[in-house]
Amino acid sequence: MAGGCCGGCEVPPSTSDTSWRRVLWIALVINAGMFAVEIIAGVAAQSAALKADALDFLGDSANYAISLGVAGLALRWRARAALLKGASLLVLGLWVLGSTVWMALAGTLPQAETMGVIGVIALIANLACAVMLWRHRDGDANRRSVWICSRNDAIGNIAVVAAAVGVFGTGTGWPDIAVAAILAGLGVSGGWQIVRQARGELREVAQSMTAPSTIKPT
């Protein structure tokens, strides 16, 4: 970024292109729908993993909505949005960890069949989003945050299906608890990555605003 830009003339981001917006809208609809499906199924099946994954779908829906709102804005606004999303992901991950501990102490046994069916549906949905977002994975913190969330979701859904098999095979709820903890860990890790890059971009903008102009008077 040029030193004399003063934070107001950043190069317009590629997130303003039509393809990026279209992909975000599709991903937003898919994630909002899957949140409703998984939260209902998670409560009915008493599955910590499904509920954790449902909250992740909700977080991603907000992620896509915010990304659409700041697409085309200056870098400082996109970085601020990414910082908010990263902090929210950190909080969500910590909440899921606490909820998982509570369910482990309660000793609930989830319904493996429901976990497996919903897990496969969620995996298909997230793989579709990940494929669409693959070519948009590089760029600023705001764009990268979208890719990180989609990547984590696909990994998480594979783990949910594995947990369903584990619950069915062992007759205990521990595979469900373990997967919920993994999903929470992914959320905390992804949130920290987003926060770190967003803070770096905000520092870059601040430096460009305070840098002396290189234009000499004639």
C-alpha atoms as a PDB file:
ATOM      1  CA  MET A   1       0.000   0.000   0.000  1.00  0.00           C
ATOM      2  CA  ALA A   2       1.287   3.436  -0.879  1.00  0.00           C
ATOM      3  CA  GLY A   3       2.548   5.515   1.988  1.00  0.00           C
ATOM      4  CA  GLY A   4       0.688   8.660   0.960  1.00  0.00           C
ATOM      5  CA  CYS A   5      -2.718   7.013   0.630  1.00  0.00           C
ATOM      6  CA  CYS A   6      -3.927   8.273   4.047  1.00  0.00           C
ATOM      7  CA  GLY A   7      -6.324   5.328   4.433  1.00  0.00           C
ATOM      8  CA  GLY A   8      -8.833   6.714   1.981  1.00  0.00           C
ATOM      9  CA  CYS A   9      -7.593   5.620  -1.438  1.00  0.00           C
ATOM     10  CA  GLU A  10      -6.974   1.905  -1.042  1.00  0.00           C
ATOM     11  CA  VAL A  11      -7.246  -0.127  -4.215  1.00  0.00           C
ATOM     12  CA  PRO A  12     -10.849  -1.350  -4.523  1.00  0.00           C
ATOM     13  CA  PRO A  13     -10.951  -5.003  -3.380  1.00  0.00           C
ATOM     14  CA  SER A  14     -11.735  -7.845  -5.727  1.00  0.00           C
ATOM     15  CA  THR A  15     -14.525  -8.774  -3.335  1.00  0.00           C
ATOM     16  CA  SER A  16     -16.650  -6.263  -5.230  1.00  0.00           C
ATOM     17  CA  ASP A  17     -16.840  -8.498  -8.293  1.00  0.00           C
ATOM     18  CA  THR A  18     -20.109 -10.139  -9.232  1.00  0.00           C
ATOM     19  CA  SER A  19     -18.810 -13.692  -8.884  1.00  0.00           C
ATOM     20  CA  TRP A  20     -17.749 -13.140  -5.262  1.00  0.00           C
ATOM     21  CA  ARG A  21     -21.093 -11.641  -4.299  1.00  0.00           C
ATOM     22  CA  ARG A  22     -23.020 -14.438  -5.993  1.00  0.00           C
ATOM     23  CA  VAL A  23     -21.008 -17.118  -4.177  1.00  0.00           C
ATOM     24  CA  LEU A  24     -21.537 -15.363  -0.840  1.00  0.00           C
ATOM     25  CA  TRP A  25     -25.312 -15.175  -1.375  1.00  0.00           C
ATOM     26  CA  ILE A  26     -25.501 -18.879  -2.216  1.00  0.00           C
ATOM     27  CA  ALA A  27     -23.347 -19.791   0.790  1.00  0.00           C
ATOM     28  CA  LEU A  28     -25.464 -17.560   3.044  1.00  0.00           C
ATOM     29  CA  VAL A  29     -28.705 -19.297   2.023  1.00  0.00           C
ATOM     30  CA  ILE A  30     -27.182 -22.774   2.420  1.00  0.00           C
ATOM     31  CA  ASN A  31     -25.728 -22.028   5.853  1.00  0.00           C
ATOM     32  CA  ALA A  32     -28.865 -20.354   7.210  1.00  0.00           C
ATOM     33  CA  GLY A  33     -30.964 -23.328   6.104  1.00  0.00           C
ATOM     34  CA  MET A  34     -28.532 -25.857   7.589  1.00  0.00           C
ATOM     35  CA  PHE A  35     -28.476 -23.985  10.897  1.00  0.00           C
ATOM     36  CA  ALA A  36     -32.233 -24.489  11.239  1.00  0.00           C
ATOM     37  CA  VAL A  37     -31.962 -28.167  10.294  1.00  0.00           C
ATOM     38  CA  GLU A  38     -29.047 -28.954  12.620  1.00  0.00           C
ATOM     39  CA  ILE A  39     -30.232 -27.070  15.688  1.00  0.00           C
ATOM     40  CA  ILE A  40     -33.594 -28.869  15.580  1.00  0.00           C
ATOM     41  CA  ALA A  41     -31.913 -32.233  14.979  1.00  0.00           C
ATOM     42  CA  GLY A  42     -29.267 -31.571  17.638  1.00  0.00           C
ATOM     43  CA  VAL A  43     -31.846 -30.835  20.310  1.00  0.00           C
ATOM     44  CA  ALA A  44     -33.997 -33.817  19.297  1.00  0.00           C
ATOM     45  CA  ALA A  45     -31.013 -36.213  19.184  1.00  0.00           C
ATOM     46  CA  GLN A  46     -29.328 -34.717  22.303  1.00  0.00           C
ATOM     47  CA  SER A  47     -26.102 -34.386  20.323  1.00  0.00           C
ATOM     48  CA  ALA A  48     -23.453 -31.897  21.446  1.00  0.00           C
ATOM     49  CA  ALA A  49     -21.663 -32.283  18.104  1.00  0.00           C
ATOM     50  CA  LEU A  50     -24.758 -31.436  16.045  1.00  0.00           C
ATOM     51  CA  LYS A  51     -25.549 -28.421  18.204  1.00  0.00           C
ATOM     52  CA  ALA A  52     -21.955 -27.235  17.978  1.00  0.00           C
ATOM     53  CA  ASP A  53     -22.059 -27.612  14.204  1.00  0.00           C
ATOM     54  CA  ALA A  54     -25.411 -25.802  14.055  1.00  0.00           C
ATOM     55  CA  LEU A  55     -23.959 -22.827  15.897  1.00  0.00           C
ATOM     56  CA  ASP A  56     -21.087 -22.900  13.427  1.00  0.00           C
ATOM     57  CA  PHE A  57     -23.594 -22.670  10.562  1.00  0.00           C
ATOM     58  CA  LEU A  58     -25.187 -19.690  12.307  1.00  0.00           C
ATOM     59  CA  GLY A  59     -21.815 -18.021  12.719  1.00  0.00           C
ATOM     60  CA  ASP A  60     -21.022 -18.603   9.064  1.00  0.00           C
ATOM     61  CA  SER A  61     -24.350 -17.098   8.000  1.00  0.00           C
ATOM     62  CA  ALA A  62     -23.420 -13.938   9.880  1.00  0.00           C
ATOM     63  CA  ASN A  63     -19.929 -14.169   8.381  1.00  0.00           C
ATOM     64  CA  TYR A  64     -21.269 -14.181   4.819  1.00  0.00           C
ATOM     65  CA  ALA A  65     -23.797 -11.437   5.556  1.00  0.00           C
ATOM     66  CA  ILE A  66     -21.090  -9.149   6.975  1.00  0.00           C
ATOM     67  CA  SER A  67     -18.785  -9.927   4.045  1.00  0.00           C
ATOM     68  CA  LEU A  68     -21.539  -8.905   1.631  1.00  0.00           C
ATOM     69  CA  GLY A  69     -22.058  -5.704   3.583  1.00  0.00           C
ATOM     70  CA  VAL A  70     -18.418  -4.616   3.436  1.00  0.00           C
ATOM     71  CA  ALA A  71     -17.602  -5.874  -0.072  1.00  0.00           C
ATOM     72  CA  GLY A  72     -16.190  -2.976  -2.069  1.00  0.00           C
ATOM     73  CA  LEU A  73     -15.371  -0.845   0.970  1.00  0.00           C
ATOM     74  CA  ALA A  74     -11.908   0.376   1.920  1.00  0.00           C
ATOM     75  CA  LEU A  75      -9.419  -2.030   3.544  1.00  0.00           C
ATOM     76  CA  ARG A  76      -9.838  -0.529   7.011  1.00  0.00           C
ATOM     77  CA  TRP A  77     -13.571  -1.318   7.017  1.00  0.00           C
ATOM     78  CA  ARG A  78     -13.036  -4.842   5.734  1.00  0.00           C
ATOM     79  CA  ALA A  79     -10.360  -5.406   8.361  1.00  0.00           C
ATOM     80  CA  ARG A  80     -12.679  -4.139  11.117  1.00  0.00           C
ATOM     81  CA  ALA A  81     -15.416  -6.496   9.920  1.00  0.00           C
ATOM     82  CA  ALA A  82     -12.944  -9.380   9.889  1.00  0.00           C
ATOM     83  CA  LEU A  83     -11.810  -8.470  13.409  1.00  0.00           C
ATOM     84  CA  LEU A  84     -15.417  -8.606  14.609  1.00  0.00           C
ATOM     85  CA  LYS A  85     -15.977 -11.963  12.924  1.00  0.00           C
ATOM     86  CA  GLY A  86     -12.760 -13.398  14.343  1.00  0.00           C
ATOM     87  CA  ALA A  87     -13.613 -12.281  17.867  1.00  0.00           C
ATOM     88  CA  SER A  88     -17.118 -13.737  17.521  1.00  0.00           C
ATOM     89  CA  LEU A  89     -15.666 -17.051  16.357  1.00  0.00           C
ATOM     90  CA  LEU A  90     -13.363 -17.116  19.381  1.00  0.00           C
ATOM     91  CA  VAL A  91     -16.262 -16.483  21.760  1.00  0.00           C
ATOM     92  CA  LEU A  92     -18.419 -19.096  20.019  1.00  0.00           C
ATOM     93  CA  GLY A  93     -15.655 -21.693  20.268  1.00  0.00           C
ATOM     94  CA  LEU A  94     -15.177 -21.052  23.976  1.00  0.00           C
ATOM     95  CA  TRP A  95     -18.944 -21.284  24.554  1.00  0.00           C
ATOM     96  CA  VAL A  96     -19.092 -24.620  22.753  1.00  0.00           C
ATOM     97  CA  LEU A  97     -16.236 -25.916  24.896  1.00  0.00           C
ATOM     98  CA  GLY A  98     -18.148 -25.004  28.055  1.00  0.00           C
ATOM     99  CA  SER A  99     -21.353 -26.568  26.736  1.00  0.00           C
ATOM    100  CA  THR A 100     -19.492 -29.746  25.837  1.00  0.00           C
ATOM    101  CA  VAL A 101     -18.080 -30.080  29.336  1.00  0.00           C
ATOM    102  CA  TRP A 102     -21.582 -29.697  30.769  1.00  0.00           C
ATOM    103  CA  MET A 103     -22.990 -32.421  28.507  1.00  0.00           C
ATOM    104  CA  ALA A 104     -20.085 -34.723  29.367  1.00  0.00           C
ATOM    105  CA  LEU A 105     -20.866 -34.358  33.056  1.00  0.00           C
ATOM    106  CA  ALA A 106     -24.575 -34.962  32.392  1.00  0.00           C
ATOM    107  CA  GLY A 107     -23.770 -38.218  30.591  1.00  0.00           C
ATOM    108  CA  THR A 108     -26.378 -37.894  27.819  1.00  0.00           C
ATOM    109  CA  LEU A 109     -26.475 -40.507  25.035  1.00  0.00           C
ATOM    110  CA  PRO A 110     -27.186 -38.976  21.583  1.00  0.00           C
ATOM    111  CA  GLN A 111     -29.099 -40.703  18.778  1.00  0.00           C
ATOM    112  CA  ALA A 112     -26.430 -42.032  16.417  1.00  0.00           C
ATOM    113  CA  GLU A 113     -28.793 -42.491  13.465  1.00  0.00           C
ATOM    114  CA  THR A 114     -29.935 -38.871  13.501  1.00  0.00           C
ATOM    115  CA  MET A 115     -26.347 -37.680  13.923  1.00  0.00           C
ATOM    116  CA  GLY A 116     -25.238 -39.707  10.902  1.00  0.00           C
ATOM    117  CA  VAL A 117     -28.008 -38.611   8.547  1.00  0.00           C
ATOM    118  CA  ILE A 118     -27.800 -34.914   9.433  1.00  0.00           C
ATOM    119  CA  GLY A 119     -24.010 -35.064   9.442  1.00  0.00           C
ATOM    120  CA  VAL A 120     -23.927 -36.376   5.867  1.00  0.00           C
ATOM    121  CA  ILE A 121     -26.403 -33.704   4.697  1.00  0.00           C
ATOM    122  CA  ALA A 122     -24.334 -30.987   6.373  1.00  0.00           C
ATOM    123  CA  LEU A 123     -21.143 -32.380   4.836  1.00  0.00           C
ATOM    124  CA  ILE A 124     -22.619 -32.207   1.337  1.00  0.00           C
ATOM    125  CA  ALA A 125     -23.766 -28.623   1.965  1.00  0.00           C
ATOM    126  CA  ASN A 126     -20.367 -27.511   3.239  1.00  0.00           C
ATOM    127  CA  LEU A 127     -18.429 -29.275   0.505  1.00  0.00           C
ATOM    128  CA  ALA A 128     -20.560 -27.399  -2.034  1.00  0.00           C
ATOM    129  CA  CYS A 129     -19.708 -24.090  -0.318  1.00  0.00           C
ATOM    130  CA  ALA A 130     -16.016 -24.986  -0.043  1.00  0.00           C
ATOM    131  CA  VAL A 131     -15.805 -25.804  -3.754  1.00  0.00           C
ATOM    132  CA  MET A 132     -17.438 -22.486  -4.665  1.00  0.00           C
ATOM    133  CA  LEU A 133     -15.146 -20.526  -2.337  1.00  0.00           C
ATOM    134  CA  TRP A 134     -11.898 -22.315  -3.238  1.00  0.00           C
ATOM    135  CA  ARG A 135     -10.748 -19.774  -5.808  1.00  0.00           C
ATOM    136  CA  HIS A 136     -11.566 -16.932  -3.393  1.00  0.00           C
ATOM    137  CA  ARG A 137      -9.442 -18.308  -0.526  1.00  0.00           C
ATOM    138  CA  ASP A 138      -6.592 -15.768  -0.881  1.00  0.00           C
ATOM    139  CA  GLY A 139      -6.704 -12.054  -0.209  1.00  0.00           C
ATOM    140  CA  ASP A 140      -7.426  -9.815   2.765  1.00  0.00           C
ATOM    141  CA  ALA A 141      -8.526 -10.994   6.205  1.00  0.00           C
ATOM    142  CA  ASN A 142     -12.199 -10.544   5.393  1.00  0.00           C
ATOM    143  CA  ARG A 143     -12.024 -12.796   2.324  1.00  0.00           C
ATOM    144  CA  ARG A 144      -9.737 -15.307   4.020  1.00  0.00           C
ATOM    145  CA  SER A 145     -12.087 -15.541   7.003  1.00  0.00           C
ATOM    146  CA  VAL A 146     -14.824 -16.826   4.698  1.00  0.00           C
ATOM    147  CA  TRP A 147     -12.561 -19.564   3.341  1.00  0.00           C
ATOM    148  CA  ILE A 148     -11.331 -20.563   6.826  1.00  0.00           C
ATOM    149  CA  CYS A 149     -14.888 -20.970   8.082  1.00  0.00           C
ATOM    150  CA  SER A 150     -15.899 -23.076   5.080  1.00  0.00           C
ATOM    151  CA  ARG A 151     -12.806 -25.263   5.410  1.00  0.00           C
ATOM    152  CA  ASN A 152     -13.436 -25.797   9.119  1.00  0.00           C
ATOM    153  CA  ASP A 153     -17.053 -26.693   8.435  1.00  0.00           C
ATOM    154  CA  ALA A 154     -16.193 -29.444   5.952  1.00  0.00           C
ATOM    155  CA  ILE A 155     -13.652 -30.922   8.382  1.00  0.00           C
ATOM    156  CA  GLY A 156     -16.162 -30.661  11.202  1.00  0.00           C
ATOM    157  CA  ASN A 157     -18.895 -32.465   9.293  1.00  0.00           C
ATOM    158  CA  ILE A 158     -16.607 -35.397   8.562  1.00  0.00           C
ATOM    159  CA  ALA A 159     -15.921 -35.549  12.297  1.00  0.00           C
ATOM    160  CA  VAL A 160     -19.663 -35.472  13.091  1.00  0.00           C
ATOM    161  CA  VAL A 161     -20.278 -38.474  10.830  1.00  0.00           C
ATOM    162  CA  ALA A 162     -17.351 -40.271  12.490  1.00  0.00           C
ATOM    163  CA  ALA A 163     -18.828 -39.450  15.908  1.00  0.00           C
ATOM    164  CA  ALA A 164     -22.164 -40.961  14.870  1.00  0.00           C
ATOM    165  CA  VAL A 165     -20.380 -44.180  13.933  1.00  0.00           C
ATOM    166  CA  GLY A 166     -18.513 -44.086  17.235  1.00  0.00           C
ATOM    167  CA  VAL A 167     -21.662 -43.568  19.302  1.00  0.00           C
ATOM    168  CA  PHE A 168     -23.395 -46.395  17.470  1.00  0.00           C
ATOM    169  CA  GLY A 169     -20.431 -48.733  17.909  1.00  0.00           C
ATOM    170  CA  THR A 170     -19.605 -47.983  21.551  1.00  0.00           C
ATOM    171  CA  GLY A 171     -23.043 -47.198  22.942  1.00  0.00           C
ATOM    172  CA  THR A 172     -21.594 -44.179  24.760  1.00  0.00           C
ATOM    173  CA  GLY A 173     -21.719 -40.439  24.202  1.00  0.00           C
ATOM    174  CA  TRP A 174     -17.968 -39.878  24.359  1.00  0.00           C
ATOM    175  CA  PRO A 175     -17.380 -39.808  20.570  1.00  0.00           C
ATOM    176  CA  ASP A 176     -20.015 -37.055  20.357  1.00  0.00           C
ATOM    177  CA  ILE A 177     -18.316 -35.118  23.166  1.00  0.00           C
ATOM    178  CA  ALA A 178     -14.891 -35.529  21.556  1.00  0.00           C
ATOM    179  CA  VAL A 179     -16.078 -34.195  18.199  1.00  0.00           C
ATOM    180  CA  ALA A 180     -17.815 -31.234  19.824  1.00  0.00           C
ATOM    181  CA  ALA A 181     -14.520 -30.385  21.534  1.00  0.00           C
ATOM    182  CA  ILE A 182     -12.672 -30.647  18.192  1.00  0.00           C
ATOM    183  CA  LEU A 183     -15.180 -28.327  16.513  1.00  0.00           C
ATOM    184  CA  ALA A 184     -14.766 -25.822  19.329  1.00  0.00           C
ATOM    185  CA  GLY A 185     -10.987 -26.025  18.969  1.00  0.00           C
ATOM    186  CA  LEU A 186     -11.242 -25.359  15.226  1.00  0.00           C
ATOM    187  CA  GLY A 187     -13.418 -22.339  15.956  1.00  0.00           C
ATOM    188  CA  VAL A 188     -10.946 -20.909  18.466  1.00  0.00           C
ATOM    189  CA  SER A 189      -7.989 -21.541  16.137  1.00  0.00           C
ATOM    190  CA  GLY A 190      -9.740 -20.061  13.089  1.00  0.00           C
ATOM    191  CA  GLY A 191     -10.927 -17.060  15.076  1.00  0.00           C
ATOM    192  CA  TRP A 192      -7.389 -16.331  16.250  1.00  0.00           C
ATOM    193  CA  GLN A 193      -6.013 -16.555  12.685  1.00  0.00           C
ATOM    194  CA  ILE A 194      -8.623 -14.071  11.474  1.00  0.00           C
ATOM    195  CA  VAL A 195      -8.046 -11.667  14.383  1.00  0.00           C
ATOM    196  CA  ARG A 196      -4.275 -11.762  13.866  1.00  0.00           C
ATOM    197  CA  GLN A 197      -4.453 -10.958  10.141  1.00  0.00           C
ATOM    198  CA  ALA A 198      -7.120  -8.273  10.639  1.00  0.00           C
ATOM    199  CA  ARG A 199      -5.021  -6.533  13.294  1.00  0.00           C
ATOM    200  CA  GLY A 200      -2.058  -6.588  10.917  1.00  0.00           C
ATOM    201  CA  GLU A 201      -4.137  -4.964   8.190  1.00  0.00           C
ATOM    202  CA  LEU A 202      -5.393  -2.301  10.583  1.00  0.00           C
ATOM    203  CA  ARG A 203      -1.788  -1.536  11.565  1.00  0.00           C
ATOM    204  CA  GLU A 204      -0.927  -1.245   7.875  1.00  0.00           C
ATOM    205  CA  VAL A 205      -3.747   1.260   7.346  1.00  0.00           C
ATOM    206  CA  ALA A 206      -2.691   3.253  10.428  1.00  0.00           C
ATOM    207  CA  GLN A 207       0.902   3.417   9.180  1.00  0.00           C
ATOM    208  CA  SER A 208      -0.230   4.607   5.762  1.00  0.00           C
ATOM    209  CA  MET A 209      -2.254   7.379   7.397  1.00  0.00           C
ATOM    210  CA  THR A 210       0.687   8.653   9.470  1.00  0.00           C
ATOM    211  CA  ALA A 211       3.403   8.201   6.847  1.00  0.00           C
ATOM    212  CA  PRO A 212       4.773  11.502   5.487  1.00  0.00           C
ATOM    213  CA  SER A 213       3.976  12.298   1.901  1.00  0.00           C
ATOM    214  CA  THR A 214       6.727  11.467  -0.561  1.00  0.00           C
ATOM    215  CA  ILE A 215       5.636  14.249  -2.931  1.00  0.00           C
ATOM    216  CA  LYS A 216       8.077  17.192  -2.773  1.00  0.00           C
ATOM    217  CA  PRO A 217       6.887  20.731  -3.378  1.00  0.00           C
ATOM    218  CA  THR A 218       8.016  22.249  -6.657  1.00  0.00           C
END
